[in-house]
């Protein structure tokens, strides 16, 4: 007797356990378009319990005219499975863009019933965008090195000449020479900030308690720029340490919290920033050019209820010189992305009005291979 013949059919309870173990949402749609069954991942995706889902037609849970409805009709007509990629299933119940890959197949035992599996594109797109961010950071590194050598010296000469002119100038001209000095100093500060990108020395790291870092950032914020904002913490107390540079992490989250506070604005009466930590196993980054796969289970989020990020800026948010602030340089988030990348992590933003989330995914210290893995990630 071969192995296949020894296997017995799964009991209904065991079959449900297998379905619920899948990380992708799965639903079964009846011939009249109602949802008759779904796994736990589908409940989370649609933000509704199974009894609630069963009270709805599928068309009520997806955008009007969604390709999913046409795919289901196609599967019923052809009696064969159909796939569709990068379909937006964002709805008022689930706001914002929610790109998924659709896999629709018939159920031969039940005529006109179909099974639908959704595979969210979020993680894959994060990886693609992160590689773009790192490419942009490398461009800034080259630009920063050029600026430091080619611009600072002439600026020193301009400032020195303005100071000499100031000694013999009248009051009106002295105002102009002071303006030259001030603007020269401002350009030097900008170049100094960009020089940080050219620092490619290895990061000095150690196991760091992220909750200590976030509490420190919160105290700094509440004593200054965010004193008018309510902070909410949702921490996983069992979270293992992150292998990182503590000062760099403070710089990252202080920048993110400051951006969130500025987005909310000083006039808001219900401003709220939420700091969360969680362990999310299953997120793994394949390093290009190697067989190494780095796990990124540590998730740190900064959420705010500000107006959100303009949709046209979302794909470029972590690129240099991209900013929504009238007087901003656009280097803050680019530096944040560089620091996170130097630690082998990724950063991503999801934004709708009154619900913006900056998510940082970081690796857990796994021994002596971390430095090699991070170096490979940075070189990619």
Protein backbone atom coordinates (compact mmCIF):
# COMPACT_ATOMS: atom_id res chain seq x y z
CA UNK A 1 0.00 0.00 0.00
CA UNK A 2 1.50 3.36 -0.99
CA UNK A 3 1.54 6.52 1.08
CA UNK A 4 -1.44 8.13 -0.68
CA UNK A 5 -3.70 5.18 0.13
CA UNK A 6 -2.86 5.36 3.84
CA UNK A 7 -4.04 8.97 4.17
CA UNK A 8 -7.55 9.35 5.55
CA UNK A 9 -9.82 12.32 4.71
CA UNK A 10 -9.62 15.22 7.12
CA UNK A 11 -12.48 15.66 9.54
CA UNK A 12 -14.43 18.92 9.12
CA UNK A 13 -12.80 20.40 12.24
CA UNK A 14 -9.34 19.53 10.95
CA UNK A 15 -10.17 20.99 7.53
CA UNK A 16 -11.25 24.24 9.20
CA UNK A 17 -8.00 24.28 11.19
CA UNK A 18 -6.00 23.97 7.96
CA UNK A 19 -8.01 26.77 6.33
CA UNK A 20 -7.57 29.07 9.34
CA UNK A 21 -3.82 28.37 9.41
CA UNK A 22 -3.43 29.96 5.98
CA UNK A 23 -2.04 33.52 6.17
CA UNK A 24 -4.08 34.61 3.12
CA UNK A 25 -7.80 35.51 3.20
CA UNK A 26 -9.98 32.75 1.73
CA UNK A 27 -13.74 33.01 1.15
CA UNK A 28 -16.36 30.74 -0.42
CA UNK A 29 -19.06 32.49 -2.46
CA UNK A 30 -22.40 30.81 -3.17
CA UNK A 31 -24.26 30.80 -6.46
CA UNK A 32 -26.32 33.84 -5.41
CA UNK A 33 -23.20 35.88 -4.49
CA UNK A 34 -23.33 35.46 -0.72
CA UNK A 35 -20.29 34.67 1.44
CA UNK A 36 -20.97 31.31 3.06
CA UNK A 37 -17.58 30.59 4.60
CA UNK A 38 -14.29 32.37 5.33
CA UNK A 39 -11.10 31.80 7.26
CA UNK A 40 -9.69 33.92 10.09
CA UNK A 41 -7.44 35.87 7.71
CA UNK A 42 -10.53 36.88 5.69
CA UNK A 43 -12.26 38.12 8.84
CA UNK A 44 -9.23 40.28 9.58
CA UNK A 45 -9.00 41.54 5.99
CA UNK A 46 -12.65 42.61 5.80
CA UNK A 47 -12.67 43.65 9.49
CA UNK A 48 -15.83 41.65 10.12
CA UNK A 49 -16.67 38.43 11.96
CA UNK A 50 -17.88 35.30 10.17
CA UNK A 51 -21.56 35.84 11.19
CA UNK A 52 -21.30 39.41 9.89
CA UNK A 53 -19.76 38.29 6.59
CA UNK A 54 -22.52 35.73 6.06
CA UNK A 55 -25.10 38.52 6.20
CA UNK A 56 -23.50 40.30 3.23
CA UNK A 57 -23.34 39.80 -0.48
CA UNK A 58 -19.76 39.89 -1.74
CA UNK A 59 -20.53 42.92 -3.94
CA UNK A 60 -21.30 44.88 -0.76
CA UNK A 61 -17.76 44.35 0.54
CA UNK A 62 -15.76 45.22 -2.58
CA UNK A 63 -15.60 48.40 -4.70
CA UNK A 64 -18.40 49.03 -7.18
CA UNK A 65 -17.67 47.25 -10.46
CA UNK A 66 -14.72 45.37 -8.91
CA UNK A 67 -12.85 42.99 -11.26
CA UNK A 68 -13.35 40.32 -8.60
CA UNK A 69 -17.05 40.08 -9.44
CA UNK A 70 -16.29 39.67 -13.15
CA UNK A 71 -13.68 36.99 -12.35
CA UNK A 72 -16.22 35.00 -10.34
CA UNK A 73 -18.69 35.11 -13.26
CA UNK A 74 -15.89 34.03 -15.59
CA UNK A 75 -14.97 31.08 -13.38
CA UNK A 76 -18.62 29.96 -13.22
CA UNK A 77 -18.90 30.17 -17.00
CA UNK A 78 -15.63 28.43 -17.85
CA UNK A 79 -15.45 26.04 -14.93
CA UNK A 80 -11.72 26.77 -14.60
CA UNK A 81 -9.54 28.74 -12.20
CA UNK A 82 -8.58 32.35 -13.02
CA UNK A 83 -5.92 34.63 -11.55
CA UNK A 84 -5.76 38.44 -11.56
CA UNK A 85 -2.93 40.55 -10.14
CA UNK A 86 -2.73 43.96 -8.44
CA UNK A 87 -6.46 44.52 -7.97
CA UNK A 88 -7.54 47.33 -5.63
CA UNK A 89 -10.09 46.17 -3.03
CA UNK A 90 -10.17 49.40 -1.02
CA UNK A 91 -13.69 50.26 0.19
CA UNK A 92 -15.28 52.69 2.68
CA UNK A 93 -15.14 49.81 5.20
CA UNK A 94 -11.44 49.28 4.33
CA UNK A 95 -10.24 52.75 3.22
CA UNK A 96 -7.16 53.42 1.15
CA UNK A 97 -5.50 51.46 -1.60
CA UNK A 98 -5.45 47.71 -0.86
CA UNK A 99 -3.74 45.92 -3.72
CA UNK A 100 -4.24 42.15 -3.82
CA UNK A 101 -3.59 39.24 -6.15
CA UNK A 102 -6.80 37.27 -6.76
CA UNK A 103 -7.02 33.50 -7.21
CA UNK A 104 -10.56 32.31 -8.03
CA UNK A 105 -11.45 28.65 -8.59
CA UNK A 106 -14.66 26.62 -8.93
CA UNK A 107 -15.87 24.07 -6.38
CA UNK A 108 -16.89 21.02 -8.46
CA UNK A 109 -18.86 19.47 -5.59
CA UNK A 110 -21.04 22.59 -5.34
CA UNK A 111 -22.29 23.96 -8.70
CA UNK A 112 -21.76 27.70 -9.21
CA UNK A 113 -19.91 28.01 -5.89
CA UNK A 114 -16.39 29.46 -6.06
CA UNK A 115 -13.48 29.80 -3.69
CA UNK A 116 -11.53 33.07 -3.65
CA UNK A 117 -8.06 33.58 -2.18
CA UNK A 118 -6.63 37.08 -1.72
CA UNK A 119 -2.89 37.66 -1.49
CA UNK A 120 -2.04 41.16 -0.30
CA UNK A 121 0.70 42.91 -2.24
CA UNK A 122 1.78 45.05 0.72
CA UNK A 123 4.91 43.15 1.75
CA UNK A 124 6.19 42.53 -1.77
CA UNK A 125 5.70 46.17 -2.69
CA UNK A 126 7.48 47.24 0.50
CA UNK A 127 10.54 45.30 -0.59
CA UNK A 128 10.47 46.86 -4.05
CA UNK A 129 10.09 50.38 -2.68
CA UNK A 130 12.79 49.81 -0.08
CA UNK A 131 15.29 48.91 -2.79
CA UNK A 132 14.32 52.16 -4.54
CA UNK A 133 14.86 54.10 -1.31
CA UNK A 134 18.33 52.59 -0.91
CA UNK A 135 19.19 53.46 -4.51
CA UNK A 136 18.12 57.05 -3.86
CA UNK A 137 20.22 57.11 -0.68
CA UNK A 138 23.28 56.00 -2.65
CA UNK A 139 22.74 58.91 -5.05
CA UNK A 140 22.61 61.31 -2.11
CA UNK A 141 25.85 59.82 -0.72
CA UNK A 142 27.66 60.70 -3.94
CA UNK A 143 26.08 64.17 -3.99
CA UNK A 144 26.96 64.77 -0.35
CA UNK A 145 30.61 63.91 -0.92
CA UNK A 146 30.74 66.30 -3.87
CA UNK A 147 29.04 69.09 -1.92
CA UNK A 148 31.36 68.72 1.05
CA UNK A 149 34.50 69.13 -1.06
CA UNK A 150 33.34 71.50 -3.80
CA UNK A 151 30.97 73.88 -2.03
CA UNK A 152 32.21 74.36 1.54
CA UNK A 153 35.51 75.99 0.56
CA UNK A 154 33.97 78.66 -1.74
CA UNK A 155 31.32 79.35 0.90
CA UNK A 156 34.04 80.07 3.47
CA UNK A 157 35.59 82.56 1.05
CA UNK A 158 32.23 84.26 0.42
CA UNK A 159 31.55 84.56 4.14
CA UNK A 160 35.03 85.92 4.84
CA UNK A 161 34.66 88.53 2.09
CA UNK A 162 31.26 89.59 3.46
CA UNK A 163 32.75 90.05 6.94
CA UNK A 164 35.53 92.26 5.54
CA UNK A 165 33.01 94.40 3.65
CA UNK A 166 30.91 94.68 6.79
CA UNK A 167 33.72 96.50 8.63
CA UNK A 168 33.65 99.46 6.22
CA UNK A 169 29.98 99.36 5.22
CA UNK A 170 27.27 101.81 6.30
CA UNK A 171 24.15 100.62 8.10
CA UNK A 172 22.17 99.82 4.93
CA UNK A 173 25.02 97.87 3.34
CA UNK A 174 25.75 96.14 6.63
CA UNK A 175 22.28 94.66 6.49
CA UNK A 176 23.14 93.14 3.12
CA UNK A 177 26.48 91.74 4.29
CA UNK A 178 24.77 90.21 7.33
CA UNK A 179 22.24 88.62 4.97
CA UNK A 180 25.11 87.11 2.94
CA UNK A 181 26.67 85.65 6.10
CA UNK A 182 23.36 84.23 7.36
CA UNK A 183 22.50 82.60 4.04
CA UNK A 184 26.02 81.19 3.73
CA UNK A 185 25.71 79.69 7.22
CA UNK A 186 22.36 78.16 6.24
CA UNK A 187 23.88 76.48 3.18
CA UNK A 188 26.77 75.13 5.27
CA UNK A 189 24.29 73.59 7.73
CA UNK A 190 22.45 71.93 4.86
CA UNK A 191 25.71 70.49 3.51
CA UNK A 192 26.61 69.29 7.02
CA UNK A 193 23.31 67.42 7.20
CA UNK A 194 23.92 65.80 3.85
CA UNK A 195 27.41 64.70 4.91
CA UNK A 196 25.70 62.26 7.27
CA UNK A 197 24.67 60.25 4.20
CA UNK A 198 28.31 59.86 3.19
CA UNK A 199 29.24 58.24 6.52
CA UNK A 200 29.55 54.55 5.63
CA UNK A 201 31.39 53.42 8.75
CA UNK A 202 29.99 50.21 10.30
CA UNK A 203 27.19 50.87 12.76
CA UNK A 204 28.11 50.09 16.36
CA UNK A 205 25.27 47.95 17.65
CA UNK A 206 24.13 46.11 20.73
CA UNK A 207 20.89 44.52 21.96
CA UNK A 208 18.48 47.41 22.59
CA UNK A 209 15.14 47.44 24.39
CA UNK A 210 12.92 49.30 21.92
CA UNK A 211 10.44 50.25 24.66
CA UNK A 212 13.14 52.17 26.53
CA UNK A 213 13.94 54.02 23.29
CA UNK A 214 10.27 54.85 22.59
CA UNK A 215 9.67 56.01 26.18
CA UNK A 216 12.72 58.30 25.91
CA UNK A 217 11.46 59.71 22.60
CA UNK A 218 7.99 60.26 24.10
CA UNK A 219 9.43 62.20 27.06
CA UNK A 220 11.48 64.39 24.73
CA UNK A 221 8.44 65.07 22.56
CA UNK A 222 6.10 65.82 25.46
CA UNK A 223 8.54 68.30 26.91
CA UNK A 224 8.77 70.21 23.63
CA UNK A 225 7.11 70.04 20.24
CA UNK A 226 4.35 67.55 21.17
CA UNK A 227 3.26 68.83 24.58
CA UNK A 228 -0.27 69.40 23.22
CA UNK A 229 -0.65 65.85 21.85
CA UNK A 230 -1.96 62.72 23.57
CA UNK A 231 0.31 59.66 23.40
CA UNK A 232 -1.02 56.10 23.41
CA UNK A 233 1.26 53.07 23.80
CA UNK A 234 0.46 49.52 22.74
CA UNK A 235 3.59 47.51 23.50
CA UNK A 236 4.27 43.80 23.33
CA UNK A 237 6.05 43.25 26.69
CA UNK A 238 7.57 39.95 25.52
CA UNK A 239 9.32 41.54 22.52
CA UNK A 240 12.99 40.47 22.22
CA UNK A 241 15.71 43.12 21.93
CA UNK A 242 16.57 44.61 18.56
CA UNK A 243 20.23 44.53 17.54
CA UNK A 244 20.81 48.19 16.85
CA UNK A 245 22.50 51.45 17.74
CA UNK A 246 20.45 53.07 20.50
CA UNK A 247 21.30 56.65 19.50
CA UNK A 248 20.38 55.94 15.89
CA UNK A 249 17.02 54.48 16.92
CA UNK A 250 16.31 57.55 19.03
CA UNK A 251 17.10 59.71 16.01
CA UNK A 252 14.76 57.62 13.82
CA UNK A 253 11.74 57.67 16.12
CA UNK A 254 12.24 61.24 17.28
CA UNK A 255 12.13 62.29 13.64
CA UNK A 256 9.01 60.18 12.99
CA UNK A 257 7.22 61.48 16.09
CA UNK A 258 8.16 65.08 15.22
CA UNK A 259 6.78 64.62 11.70
CA UNK A 260 3.57 63.16 13.17
CA UNK A 261 3.22 66.09 15.58
CA UNK A 262 3.77 68.63 12.81
CA UNK A 263 1.23 66.83 10.64
CA UNK A 264 -1.39 67.04 13.42
CA UNK A 265 -0.63 70.74 13.97
CA UNK A 266 -0.67 72.89 17.09
CA UNK A 267 -4.31 73.91 16.64
CA UNK A 268 -5.70 70.36 16.84
CA UNK A 269 -7.63 69.62 20.04
CA UNK A 270 -7.79 65.84 19.62
CA UNK A 271 -4.25 65.18 18.35
CA UNK A 272 -3.08 61.67 19.11
CA UNK A 273 0.12 59.75 18.39
CA UNK A 274 0.11 56.00 18.91
CA UNK A 275 3.33 54.03 19.48
CA UNK A 276 3.04 50.28 18.97
CA UNK A 277 5.38 47.29 18.99
CA UNK A 278 4.61 43.76 17.88
CA UNK A 279 6.21 40.50 16.85
CA UNK A 280 5.09 39.52 13.34
CA UNK A 281 6.74 36.26 12.23
CA UNK A 282 6.72 35.38 8.56
CA UNK A 283 8.12 38.59 7.04
CA UNK A 284 11.40 37.68 5.34
CA UNK A 285 13.58 39.73 3.00
CA UNK A 286 15.60 37.98 0.29
CA UNK A 287 18.89 39.74 -0.25
CA UNK A 288 19.64 40.25 -3.98
CA UNK A 289 22.72 38.39 -5.21
CA UNK A 290 22.80 36.02 -2.25
CA UNK A 291 20.86 33.04 -0.92
CA UNK A 292 20.45 34.76 2.44
CA UNK A 293 16.93 35.46 3.73
CA UNK A 294 16.71 37.90 6.62
CA UNK A 295 13.72 37.63 8.93
CA UNK A 296 12.11 40.95 9.96
CA UNK A 297 9.73 40.00 12.76
CA UNK A 298 10.01 43.15 14.90
CA UNK A 299 7.38 45.74 13.96
CA UNK A 300 7.50 49.27 15.41
CA UNK A 301 4.79 51.75 14.39
CA UNK A 302 4.19 55.47 14.80
CA UNK A 303 0.55 56.33 14.05
CA UNK A 304 -1.13 59.73 14.02
CA UNK A 305 -4.57 61.16 13.33
CA UNK A 306 -3.36 64.07 11.21
CA UNK A 307 -4.60 64.90 7.71
CA UNK A 308 -2.38 62.28 6.07
CA UNK A 309 0.26 62.28 3.34
CA UNK A 310 -0.73 63.59 -0.12
CA UNK A 311 -1.29 60.64 -2.44
CA UNK A 312 1.16 61.93 -5.07
CA UNK A 313 3.99 61.99 -2.49
CA UNK A 314 3.43 58.50 -1.08
CA UNK A 315 5.71 56.60 -3.54
CA UNK A 316 8.55 59.10 -2.97
CA UNK A 317 8.12 59.86 0.74
CA UNK A 318 11.52 58.50 1.81
CA UNK A 319 13.46 59.92 -1.11
CA UNK A 320 15.75 62.96 -0.62
CA UNK A 321 14.34 66.48 -1.07
CA UNK A 322 10.71 65.30 -0.86
CA UNK A 323 8.77 67.26 1.76
CA UNK A 324 5.35 68.74 2.49
CA UNK A 325 6.79 71.46 4.74
CA UNK A 326 7.24 74.96 3.23
CA UNK A 327 10.64 75.34 4.92
CA UNK A 328 11.64 71.67 5.00
CA UNK A 329 14.79 70.31 3.34
CA UNK A 330 13.33 66.88 2.60
CA UNK A 331 16.30 65.09 4.18
CA UNK A 332 14.75 63.94 7.48
CA UNK A 333 12.83 60.90 6.22
CA UNK A 334 15.58 60.07 3.73
CA UNK A 335 18.00 59.89 6.66
CA UNK A 336 15.52 57.77 8.61
CA UNK A 337 15.30 55.34 5.67
CA UNK A 338 19.11 55.19 5.47
CA UNK A 339 19.47 54.42 9.19
CA UNK A 340 16.80 51.71 9.05
CA UNK A 341 18.46 50.26 5.94
CA UNK A 342 21.86 50.29 7.66
CA UNK A 343 20.30 48.10 10.35
CA UNK A 344 18.95 45.66 7.77
CA UNK A 345 15.34 46.76 8.16
CA UNK A 346 12.67 48.37 5.98
CA UNK A 347 10.32 51.29 6.53
CA UNK A 348 6.94 51.92 4.95
CA UNK A 349 4.06 54.37 5.20
CA UNK A 350 0.32 53.80 4.91
CA UNK A 351 -1.78 56.94 4.97
CA UNK A 352 -5.40 57.99 4.86
CA UNK A 353 -6.95 61.09 6.44
CA UNK A 354 -6.74 60.76 10.24
CA UNK A 355 -4.93 57.42 10.00
CA UNK A 356 -1.28 57.56 9.00
CA UNK A 357 1.03 54.70 9.99
CA UNK A 358 4.80 54.63 9.65
CA UNK A 359 5.91 51.03 10.07
CA UNK A 360 9.51 49.97 10.75
CA UNK A 361 10.37 46.28 10.38
CA UNK A 362 13.65 45.18 11.96
CA UNK A 363 15.54 41.90 12.41
CA UNK A 364 16.18 40.15 15.71
CA UNK A 365 19.82 39.62 16.63
CA UNK A 366 20.73 36.13 15.41
CA UNK A 367 24.42 35.90 16.33
CA UNK A 368 27.54 36.59 14.31
CA UNK A 369 25.84 36.54 10.88
CA UNK A 370 23.95 39.79 11.42
CA UNK A 371 26.80 42.04 10.34
CA UNK A 372 27.28 40.03 7.14
CA UNK A 373 23.56 40.07 6.35
CA UNK A 374 23.18 43.79 6.92
CA UNK A 375 26.27 44.56 4.86
CA UNK A 376 24.85 42.49 2.01
CA UNK A 377 21.54 44.30 2.29
CA UNK A 378 23.21 47.70 2.15
CA UNK A 379 25.34 46.71 -0.85
CA UNK A 380 22.30 45.52 -2.77
